[in-house]
Amino acid sequence: MDAPTTPPRRPGSEALRRGRWSEPGRIYLVTTITRDRRPWFADPDLAAAAARQTLMPSCALDARLQCWVLMPDHLHALVELGPAHTLPRVVQHLKSSIAAAVNQAAGRSGALWERGFHDRALRADEDLRSTARYVIANPIRAGLVSRAGDYPYWNAIWL
């Protein structure tokens, strides 16, 4: 009888986890991409379902989404960790919650996101609002709109 095999890891996934630290109260810039970079969120109905899900109180467990923008094939978010959950757990729950809402809206099942995510802890001396502006300006840099206010799939706590 052969030993069970595990699926091969992508080359960069280990590097993404190396040195990851979860500090309560710290704000992290998180990016996660859809499976095979499929542009699920180019569909307005699916993007709206995902956006609505981010507004649900438990979507990010006890973490707080400072701001986020949903691009056609990825999500950027500034996540302030709460005291109870690690960053990987918060991101997994966020991705799972959004996937469930999108899958229901699309009448499908299956994976929506790639397994990993990229994160960067903001330094204490970094300007949070400047970083948030950078996140929110993603649709402008991608050529989707000319003004952030014209893009419907983002939010920030300062509004």
Protein backbone atom coordinates (compact mmCIF):
# COMPACT_ATOMS: atom_id res chain seq x y z
CA MET A 1 0.00 0.00 0.00
CA ASP A 2 1.43 3.37 -1.02
CA ALA A 3 1.84 6.14 1.52
CA PRO A 4 -0.58 9.05 1.09
CA THR A 5 0.87 11.92 -0.84
CA THR A 6 0.43 15.58 -0.15
CA PRO A 7 -0.12 18.07 -2.93
CA PRO A 8 3.05 19.82 -4.06
CA ARG A 9 3.57 23.28 -2.64
CA ARG A 10 4.09 26.23 -4.89
CA PRO A 11 7.67 27.52 -4.70
CA GLY A 12 6.81 30.86 -3.12
CA SER A 13 4.30 29.66 -0.53
CA GLU A 14 6.92 28.66 2.02
CA ALA A 15 8.68 32.00 1.69
CA LEU A 16 5.41 33.82 2.33
CA ARG A 17 5.02 32.07 5.69
CA ARG A 18 8.64 32.36 6.80
CA GLY A 19 8.98 34.95 9.53
CA ARG A 20 5.26 35.69 9.71
CA TRP A 21 4.35 37.15 13.08
CA SER A 22 0.89 38.00 14.43
CA GLU A 23 0.89 40.92 16.83
CA PRO A 24 -2.45 42.01 18.33
CA GLY A 25 -3.17 45.66 17.55
CA ARG A 26 -0.70 45.69 14.65
CA ILE A 27 -1.98 46.69 11.22
CA TYR A 28 -1.05 44.51 8.26
CA LEU A 29 -1.30 45.18 4.55
CA VAL A 30 -2.69 41.92 3.15
CA THR A 31 -3.02 40.85 -0.47
CA THR A 32 -4.67 37.65 -1.63
CA ILE A 33 -5.39 36.50 -5.16
CA THR A 34 -8.12 34.40 -6.72
CA ARG A 35 -7.41 30.86 -7.86
CA ASP A 36 -5.48 31.00 -11.15
CA ARG A 37 -5.99 34.80 -11.08
CA ARG A 38 -9.48 34.28 -12.46
CA PRO A 39 -11.24 37.69 -12.54
CA TRP A 40 -14.32 36.67 -10.56
CA PHE A 41 -14.85 40.21 -9.33
CA ALA A 42 -15.10 41.68 -12.82
CA ASP A 43 -18.69 40.41 -12.57
CA PRO A 44 -20.59 43.18 -10.70
CA ASP A 45 -22.93 40.72 -8.99
CA LEU A 46 -20.07 38.66 -7.60
CA ALA A 47 -18.07 41.73 -6.61
CA ALA A 48 -21.13 43.14 -4.82
CA ALA A 49 -21.64 39.84 -2.96
CA ALA A 50 -18.00 39.88 -1.85
CA ALA A 51 -18.17 43.54 -0.85
CA ARG A 52 -21.32 42.97 1.21
CA GLN A 53 -19.61 40.11 3.00
CA THR A 54 -16.72 42.34 4.12
CA LEU A 55 -19.28 44.49 5.95
CA MET A 56 -20.49 41.59 8.09
CA PRO A 57 -19.25 41.96 11.68
CA SER A 58 -17.72 38.48 11.90
CA CYS A 59 -16.13 38.45 8.45
CA ALA A 60 -12.68 39.13 9.88
CA LEU A 61 -13.32 37.55 13.30
CA ASP A 62 -12.09 40.03 15.93
CA ALA A 63 -9.82 41.89 13.51
CA ARG A 64 -10.84 45.22 12.02
CA LEU A 65 -10.68 45.96 8.31
CA GLN A 66 -9.30 49.50 8.22
CA CYS A 67 -9.79 49.62 4.46
CA TRP A 68 -10.01 47.25 1.53
CA VAL A 69 -10.33 47.22 -2.23
CA LEU A 70 -11.60 44.34 -4.30
CA MET A 71 -9.88 44.16 -7.67
CA PRO A 72 -11.05 41.80 -10.46
CA ASP A 73 -8.69 39.02 -9.37
CA HIS A 74 -7.43 39.99 -5.92
CA LEU A 75 -8.11 41.73 -2.63
CA HIS A 76 -5.99 44.28 -0.78
CA ALA A 77 -6.84 45.09 2.83
CA LEU A 78 -5.42 46.85 5.84
CA VAL A 79 -6.21 44.52 8.73
CA GLU A 80 -5.82 45.51 12.38
CA LEU A 81 -5.47 42.34 14.42
CA GLY A 82 -7.60 41.84 17.50
CA PRO A 83 -6.40 39.96 20.58
CA ALA A 84 -7.83 36.52 19.91
CA HIS A 85 -6.74 35.39 16.43
CA THR A 86 -3.54 35.18 14.41
CA LEU A 87 -3.18 36.87 11.05
CA PRO A 88 -3.32 33.56 9.12
CA ARG A 89 -6.54 32.61 10.93
CA VAL A 90 -8.14 36.03 10.25
CA VAL A 91 -7.19 35.96 6.56
CA GLN A 92 -8.40 32.36 6.20
CA HIS A 93 -11.76 33.30 7.75
CA LEU A 94 -12.04 36.44 5.60
CA LYS A 95 -11.31 34.46 2.44
CA SER A 96 -13.67 31.68 3.44
CA SER A 97 -16.50 34.11 4.22
CA ILE A 98 -16.10 35.92 0.92
CA ALA A 99 -15.83 32.64 -1.00
CA ALA A 100 -19.07 31.35 0.53
CA ALA A 101 -20.93 34.53 -0.43
CA VAL A 102 -19.50 34.58 -3.96
CA ASN A 103 -20.11 30.88 -4.51
CA GLN A 104 -23.72 31.28 -3.41
CA ALA A 105 -24.21 34.28 -5.71
CA ALA A 106 -22.60 32.42 -8.62
CA GLY A 107 -24.42 29.15 -7.97
CA ARG A 108 -21.12 27.31 -7.79
CA SER A 109 -18.90 25.55 -5.32
CA GLY A 110 -15.17 25.15 -5.06
CA ALA A 111 -12.12 27.18 -4.30
CA LEU A 112 -12.19 30.89 -5.02
CA TRP A 113 -8.79 31.93 -3.62
CA GLU A 114 -5.24 30.71 -3.90
CA ARG A 115 -4.06 29.14 -0.65
CA GLY A 116 -1.52 31.71 0.49
CA PHE A 117 -1.49 35.44 0.97
CA HIS A 118 1.08 38.20 1.15
CA ASP A 119 1.34 40.43 4.18
CA ARG A 120 3.45 43.29 5.44
CA ALA A 121 3.22 44.68 8.95
CA LEU A 122 3.02 48.46 8.98
CA ARG A 123 5.78 50.09 10.99
CA ALA A 124 4.78 52.32 13.88
CA ASP A 125 6.11 55.38 12.04
CA GLU A 126 4.19 54.70 8.81
CA ASP A 127 1.26 56.92 8.02
CA LEU A 128 -1.82 54.71 8.08
CA ARG A 129 -3.88 57.04 5.92
CA SER A 130 -1.18 57.24 3.25
CA THR A 131 -1.08 53.46 3.10
CA ALA A 132 -4.89 53.38 2.95
CA ARG A 133 -4.83 55.87 0.05
CA TYR A 134 -2.35 53.61 -1.71
CA VAL A 135 -4.72 50.63 -1.25
CA ILE A 136 -7.78 52.56 -2.40
CA ALA A 137 -5.94 53.94 -5.45
CA ASN A 138 -5.35 50.45 -6.88
CA PRO A 139 -8.27 50.71 -9.36
CA ILE A 140 -6.82 53.99 -10.65
CA ARG A 141 -3.34 52.51 -11.13
CA ALA A 142 -4.93 49.49 -12.87
CA GLY A 143 -6.75 51.80 -15.30
CA LEU A 144 -10.22 50.71 -14.15
CA VAL A 145 -11.33 54.23 -13.19
CA SER A 146 -9.92 57.74 -13.16
CA ARG A 147 -11.15 58.57 -9.63
CA ALA A 148 -11.34 56.27 -6.60
CA GLY A 149 -14.89 57.41 -5.91
CA ASP A 150 -15.96 55.97 -9.26
CA TYR A 151 -14.95 52.45 -8.20
CA PRO A 152 -17.69 50.74 -6.18
CA TYR A 153 -15.79 47.90 -4.48
CA TRP A 154 -13.82 49.45 -1.65
CA ASN A 155 -14.35 50.82 1.82
CA ALA A 156 -12.45 52.59 4.58
CA ILE A 157 -13.29 53.24 8.21
CA TRP A 158 -12.69 56.95 7.74
CA LEU A 159 -15.78 57.41 5.58
